[in-house]
N, C-alpha and C. Protein backbone atom coordinates (compact mmCIF):
# COMPACT_ATOMS: atom_id res chain seq x y z
N MET A 1 -17.77 -22.18 14.44
CA MET A 1 -17.40 -21.61 15.73
C MET A 1 -15.96 -21.10 15.70
N ILE A 2 -15.07 -21.83 15.08
CA ILE A 2 -13.67 -21.42 15.05
C ILE A 2 -13.40 -20.44 13.91
N GLY A 3 -14.31 -20.37 12.94
CA GLY A 3 -14.14 -19.49 11.78
C GLY A 3 -13.91 -18.03 12.13
N PRO A 4 -14.76 -17.44 13.00
CA PRO A 4 -14.55 -16.03 13.36
C PRO A 4 -13.19 -15.79 14.02
N TRP A 5 -12.73 -16.72 14.84
CA TRP A 5 -11.43 -16.58 15.49
C TRP A 5 -10.31 -16.64 14.48
N LEU A 6 -10.44 -17.52 13.51
CA LEU A 6 -9.41 -17.61 12.48
C LEU A 6 -9.37 -16.34 11.64
N ARG A 7 -10.54 -15.78 11.32
CA ARG A 7 -10.57 -14.52 10.56
C ARG A 7 -9.94 -13.39 11.36
N LEU A 8 -10.24 -13.35 12.66
CA LEU A 8 -9.66 -12.32 13.52
C LEU A 8 -8.14 -12.49 13.59
N ALA A 9 -7.68 -13.71 13.71
CA ALA A 9 -6.23 -13.96 13.75
C ALA A 9 -5.58 -13.55 12.44
N ARG A 10 -6.23 -13.87 11.33
CA ARG A 10 -5.69 -13.49 10.01
C ARG A 10 -5.63 -11.98 9.88
N ASP A 11 -6.73 -11.31 10.21
CA ASP A 11 -6.78 -9.86 10.07
C ASP A 11 -5.80 -9.15 11.00
N THR A 12 -5.63 -9.69 12.20
CA THR A 12 -4.68 -9.11 13.14
C THR A 12 -3.25 -9.28 12.63
N THR A 13 -2.96 -10.45 12.06
CA THR A 13 -1.64 -10.68 11.49
C THR A 13 -1.38 -9.74 10.33
N LEU A 14 -2.36 -9.57 9.46
CA LEU A 14 -2.22 -8.64 8.34
C LEU A 14 -2.02 -7.21 8.85
N LEU A 15 -2.75 -6.83 9.88
CA LEU A 15 -2.58 -5.50 10.48
C LEU A 15 -1.15 -5.31 10.95
N ALA A 16 -0.59 -6.31 11.62
CA ALA A 16 0.78 -6.20 12.11
C ALA A 16 1.76 -6.02 10.95
N MET A 17 1.57 -6.77 9.88
CA MET A 17 2.46 -6.66 8.73
C MET A 17 2.31 -5.30 8.04
N GLU A 18 1.09 -4.84 7.90
CA GLU A 18 0.83 -3.54 7.26
C GLU A 18 1.40 -2.40 8.11
N ALA A 19 1.27 -2.53 9.42
CA ALA A 19 1.79 -1.50 10.31
C ALA A 19 3.32 -1.43 10.21
N GLN A 20 3.96 -2.57 10.02
CA GLN A 20 5.41 -2.57 9.85
C GLN A 20 5.83 -1.81 8.58
N THR A 21 5.00 -1.88 7.56
CA THR A 21 5.27 -1.11 6.33
C THR A 21 5.25 0.38 6.63
N VAL A 22 4.25 0.82 7.36
CA VAL A 22 4.16 2.24 7.72
C VAL A 22 5.35 2.66 8.57
N ILE A 23 5.70 1.83 9.52
CA ILE A 23 6.86 2.15 10.37
C ILE A 23 8.12 2.27 9.52
N GLY A 24 8.30 1.33 8.59
CA GLY A 24 9.47 1.38 7.71
C GLY A 24 9.50 2.62 6.85
N LEU A 25 8.34 3.00 6.31
CA LEU A 25 8.28 4.21 5.49
C LEU A 25 8.63 5.45 6.30
N ARG A 26 8.08 5.53 7.50
CA ARG A 26 8.36 6.69 8.35
C ARG A 26 9.83 6.72 8.77
N LEU A 27 10.37 5.60 9.16
CA LEU A 27 11.78 5.58 9.56
C LEU A 27 12.69 5.90 8.39
N GLY A 28 12.34 5.43 7.20
CA GLY A 28 13.12 5.75 6.01
C GLY A 28 13.13 7.24 5.74
N GLN A 29 11.98 7.88 5.88
CA GLN A 29 11.91 9.32 5.67
C GLN A 29 12.74 10.07 6.70
N ILE A 30 12.67 9.62 7.94
CA ILE A 30 13.45 10.27 9.00
C ILE A 30 14.95 10.10 8.71
N ALA A 31 15.35 8.88 8.33
CA ALA A 31 16.77 8.60 8.06
C ALA A 31 17.30 9.44 6.90
N LEU A 32 16.44 9.72 5.91
CA LEU A 32 16.86 10.52 4.77
C LEU A 32 16.73 12.02 5.02
N GLY A 33 16.26 12.38 6.20
CA GLY A 33 16.11 13.79 6.54
C GLY A 33 14.84 14.42 5.97
N HIS A 34 13.90 13.58 5.54
CA HIS A 34 12.65 14.09 4.98
C HIS A 34 11.52 14.11 6.01
N GLY A 35 11.80 13.64 7.20
CA GLY A 35 10.76 13.66 8.23
C GLY A 35 10.45 15.10 8.62
N SER A 36 9.23 15.32 9.05
CA SER A 36 8.83 16.68 9.44
C SER A 36 8.18 16.64 10.81
N LEU A 37 8.18 17.78 11.46
CA LEU A 37 7.53 17.89 12.75
C LEU A 37 6.03 17.58 12.61
N ALA A 38 5.44 18.06 11.53
CA ALA A 38 4.00 17.82 11.31
C ALA A 38 3.72 16.32 11.20
N GLU A 39 4.58 15.59 10.49
CA GLU A 39 4.39 14.14 10.36
C GLU A 39 4.53 13.44 11.71
N ASN A 40 5.50 13.87 12.49
CA ASN A 40 5.69 13.29 13.82
C ASN A 40 4.48 13.55 14.72
N GLN A 41 3.97 14.77 14.66
CA GLN A 41 2.79 15.10 15.46
C GLN A 41 1.58 14.33 14.99
N LEU A 42 1.44 14.17 13.67
CA LEU A 42 0.33 13.39 13.12
C LEU A 42 0.41 11.94 13.58
N MET A 43 1.62 11.40 13.58
CA MET A 43 1.82 10.01 13.98
C MET A 43 1.32 9.78 15.41
N VAL A 44 1.63 10.71 16.31
CA VAL A 44 1.21 10.57 17.70
C VAL A 44 -0.30 10.80 17.84
N SER A 45 -0.79 11.85 17.22
CA SER A 45 -2.22 12.17 17.37
C SER A 45 -3.10 11.09 16.75
N GLU A 46 -2.64 10.47 15.66
CA GLU A 46 -3.40 9.38 15.06
C GLU A 46 -3.55 8.21 16.02
N LYS A 47 -2.51 7.91 16.74
CA LYS A 47 -2.56 6.78 17.68
C LYS A 47 -3.56 7.05 18.80
N VAL A 48 -3.54 8.26 19.32
CA VAL A 48 -4.46 8.61 20.40
C VAL A 48 -5.90 8.55 19.90
N LEU A 49 -6.15 9.11 18.72
CA LEU A 49 -7.49 9.10 18.15
C LEU A 49 -7.96 7.68 17.84
N ALA A 50 -7.07 6.85 17.28
CA ALA A 50 -7.42 5.46 16.96
C ALA A 50 -7.76 4.69 18.23
N TRP A 51 -6.99 4.93 19.29
CA TRP A 51 -7.28 4.27 20.56
C TRP A 51 -8.65 4.67 21.08
N ALA A 52 -8.96 5.97 21.02
CA ALA A 52 -10.26 6.45 21.51
C ALA A 52 -11.41 5.85 20.69
N GLU A 53 -11.22 5.77 19.38
CA GLU A 53 -12.25 5.17 18.53
C GLU A 53 -12.44 3.70 18.85
N ALA A 54 -11.34 2.99 19.06
CA ALA A 54 -11.42 1.57 19.39
C ALA A 54 -12.13 1.38 20.73
N ALA A 55 -11.80 2.20 21.71
CA ALA A 55 -12.42 2.11 23.03
C ALA A 55 -13.93 2.39 22.92
N ALA A 56 -14.29 3.38 22.12
CA ALA A 56 -15.72 3.69 21.95
C ALA A 56 -16.44 2.55 21.24
N THR A 57 -15.79 1.95 20.26
CA THR A 57 -16.40 0.82 19.55
C THR A 57 -16.68 -0.33 20.51
N VAL A 58 -15.69 -0.67 21.32
CA VAL A 58 -15.87 -1.77 22.26
C VAL A 58 -16.90 -1.41 23.33
N ALA A 59 -16.86 -0.17 23.81
CA ALA A 59 -17.79 0.27 24.85
C ALA A 59 -19.25 0.26 24.38
N THR A 60 -19.45 0.44 23.09
CA THR A 60 -20.82 0.46 22.56
C THR A 60 -21.22 -0.90 21.98
N GLY A 61 -20.45 -1.93 22.31
CA GLY A 61 -20.82 -3.27 21.91
C GLY A 61 -20.23 -3.74 20.60
N GLY A 62 -19.30 -2.99 20.03
CA GLY A 62 -18.67 -3.38 18.79
C GLY A 62 -17.74 -4.57 19.00
N SER A 63 -17.45 -5.25 17.94
CA SER A 63 -16.63 -6.45 18.02
C SER A 63 -15.15 -6.15 17.82
N PRO A 64 -14.29 -7.06 18.26
CA PRO A 64 -12.86 -6.92 17.98
C PRO A 64 -12.60 -6.88 16.47
N HIS A 65 -13.40 -7.59 15.70
CA HIS A 65 -13.26 -7.58 14.25
C HIS A 65 -13.43 -6.16 13.70
N LYS A 66 -14.40 -5.45 14.23
CA LYS A 66 -14.66 -4.09 13.79
C LYS A 66 -13.48 -3.17 14.14
N VAL A 67 -12.91 -3.36 15.31
CA VAL A 67 -11.76 -2.56 15.73
C VAL A 67 -10.58 -2.81 14.79
N VAL A 68 -10.29 -4.08 14.50
CA VAL A 68 -9.17 -4.42 13.64
C VAL A 68 -9.40 -3.89 12.22
N ARG A 69 -10.63 -3.99 11.74
CA ARG A 69 -10.94 -3.45 10.40
C ARG A 69 -10.69 -1.95 10.36
N GLY A 70 -11.07 -1.25 11.41
CA GLY A 70 -10.84 0.20 11.48
C GLY A 70 -9.36 0.54 11.48
N TYR A 71 -8.58 -0.19 12.26
CA TYR A 71 -7.14 0.03 12.29
C TYR A 71 -6.52 -0.25 10.92
N ARG A 72 -6.94 -1.34 10.28
CA ARG A 72 -6.35 -1.69 8.98
C ARG A 72 -6.67 -0.61 7.95
N LYS A 73 -7.86 -0.05 8.01
CA LYS A 73 -8.24 1.01 7.06
C LYS A 73 -7.32 2.22 7.24
N LYS A 74 -7.06 2.60 8.49
CA LYS A 74 -6.19 3.74 8.77
C LYS A 74 -4.75 3.46 8.34
N VAL A 75 -4.29 2.25 8.57
CA VAL A 75 -2.92 1.88 8.21
C VAL A 75 -2.75 1.90 6.69
N ARG A 76 -3.73 1.38 5.97
CA ARG A 76 -3.65 1.41 4.50
C ARG A 76 -3.63 2.84 3.98
N ALA A 77 -4.42 3.72 4.59
CA ALA A 77 -4.42 5.13 4.18
C ALA A 77 -3.06 5.77 4.44
N ASN A 78 -2.46 5.44 5.58
CA ASN A 78 -1.12 5.96 5.88
C ASN A 78 -0.10 5.45 4.88
N THR A 79 -0.18 4.19 4.53
CA THR A 79 0.77 3.62 3.55
C THR A 79 0.67 4.37 2.23
N LYS A 80 -0.55 4.58 1.75
CA LYS A 80 -0.74 5.31 0.48
C LYS A 80 -0.15 6.71 0.57
N ARG A 81 -0.48 7.41 1.65
CA ARG A 81 -0.03 8.79 1.82
C ARG A 81 1.49 8.87 1.91
N LEU A 82 2.09 7.99 2.68
CA LEU A 82 3.54 8.03 2.87
C LEU A 82 4.30 7.64 1.62
N ARG A 83 3.73 6.81 0.80
CA ARG A 83 4.42 6.42 -0.46
C ARG A 83 4.42 7.57 -1.46
N LEU A 84 3.51 8.51 -1.30
CA LEU A 84 3.45 9.66 -2.21
C LEU A 84 4.40 10.77 -1.80
N LEU A 85 4.89 10.74 -0.55
CA LEU A 85 5.77 11.82 -0.08
C LEU A 85 7.16 11.70 -0.63
């Protein structure tokens, strides 16, 4: 019974840590003058799209675990992409 909650807590904690990596990468690029308008617009549009996807998942009966997994997948993709810039 407590197992699913512990997994959700773990995954949410990992999401928070991974998101901080993306924030650090983006801020570092901005500080070095490598930030671009396109990256800034992507950052905002990604958040709106991710929120809409999460809302649709919950509205159609999806679990919080599924929402967190989706966010983590997007954050990992951003980390990979930003490390290549």
